[in-house]
Protein backbone atom coordinates (compact mmCIF):
# COMPACT_ATOMS: atom_id res chain seq x y z
CA UNK A 1 0.00 0.00 0.00
CA UNK A 2 1.39 3.40 -1.00
CA UNK A 3 1.74 6.16 1.55
CA UNK A 4 -0.28 9.31 1.08
CA UNK A 5 1.71 12.50 1.41
CA UNK A 6 0.23 15.84 2.33
CA UNK A 7 -1.82 15.10 5.41
CA UNK A 8 -0.88 16.55 8.76
CA UNK A 9 -0.63 13.15 10.39
CA UNK A 10 2.12 11.86 8.10
CA UNK A 11 5.61 11.64 9.59
CA UNK A 12 7.52 12.67 6.46
CA UNK A 13 10.95 11.58 7.63
CA UNK A 14 9.87 7.99 8.13
CA UNK A 15 7.84 8.00 4.91
CA UNK A 16 10.69 9.19 2.71
CA UNK A 17 12.02 5.66 2.70
CA UNK A 18 8.83 4.51 0.93
CA UNK A 19 9.39 6.73 -2.12
CA UNK A 20 9.69 4.45 -5.14
CA UNK A 21 12.03 6.53 -7.29
CA UNK A 22 14.52 9.33 -7.05
CA UNK A 23 13.19 12.84 -7.63
CA UNK A 24 9.67 11.73 -6.65
CA UNK A 25 8.60 15.25 -5.71
CA UNK A 26 10.32 17.15 -8.56
CA UNK A 27 7.10 17.36 -10.57
CA UNK A 28 5.31 18.99 -7.66
CA UNK A 29 8.19 21.43 -7.18
CA UNK A 30 7.92 22.52 -10.82
CA UNK A 31 4.19 23.08 -10.35
CA UNK A 32 4.81 25.20 -7.24
CA UNK A 33 7.43 27.31 -9.01
CA UNK A 34 5.07 27.91 -11.92
CA UNK A 35 2.23 28.99 -9.63
CA UNK A 36 4.54 31.21 -7.60
CA UNK A 37 5.77 32.97 -10.73
CA UNK A 38 2.19 33.50 -11.92
CA UNK A 39 1.17 35.25 -8.71
CA UNK A 40 4.42 37.18 -8.16
CA UNK A 41 4.30 38.96 -11.51
CA UNK A 42 4.03 42.66 -10.58
CA UNK A 43 2.84 43.57 -14.09
CA UNK A 44 -0.28 41.44 -13.77
CA UNK A 45 -3.28 43.30 -12.36
CA UNK A 46 -5.59 40.31 -12.23
CA UNK A 47 -3.63 38.12 -9.79
CA UNK A 48 -6.22 38.64 -7.06
CA UNK A 49 -9.08 37.77 -9.39
CA UNK A 50 -7.25 34.63 -10.60
CA UNK A 51 -6.62 33.61 -7.01
CA UNK A 52 -10.23 34.23 -6.02
CA UNK A 53 -11.46 32.19 -9.00
CA UNK A 54 -9.21 29.27 -8.05
CA UNK A 55 -10.40 29.47 -4.45
CA UNK A 56 -14.03 29.47 -5.58
CA UNK A 57 -13.36 26.50 -7.87
CA UNK A 58 -11.73 24.64 -5.01
CA UNK A 59 -14.63 25.53 -2.71
CA UNK A 60 -17.11 24.19 -5.26
CA UNK A 61 -15.17 20.94 -5.69
CA UNK A 62 -14.93 20.40 -1.93
CA UNK A 63 -18.64 21.16 -1.49
CA UNK A 64 -19.50 18.59 -4.16
CA UNK A 65 -17.20 16.02 -2.55
CA UNK A 66 -18.79 16.52 0.86
CA UNK A 67 -22.26 16.24 -0.67
CA UNK A 68 -21.26 12.98 -2.35
CA UNK A 69 -19.92 11.64 0.95
CA UNK A 70 -23.14 12.55 2.76
CA UNK A 71 -25.22 10.89 0.03
CA UNK A 72 -23.00 7.82 0.18
CA UNK A 73 -23.41 7.64 3.95
CA UNK A 74 -27.21 7.90 3.62
CA UNK A 75 -27.22 5.13 1.01
CA UNK A 76 -25.10 2.88 3.21
CA UNK A 77 -27.37 3.47 6.21
CA UNK A 78 -30.45 2.52 4.18
CA UNK A 79 -29.00 -0.86 3.21
């Protein structure tokens, strides 16, 4: 079973031994650098609006996920 990274309960130092290949997190680092450069551009006036849109999109996705979990729980209770 693969370890899940990113939760607060994960002890990263002990989990680093479970990484399957070298440079496992390099793809994520590239993504972070790209996002950082997008929002640090002083010539862009719409950084706040882009950020707010992404936050709203994330909020919508999380709301849908929670609704699906609640529906799933109701369906399991009925059976």
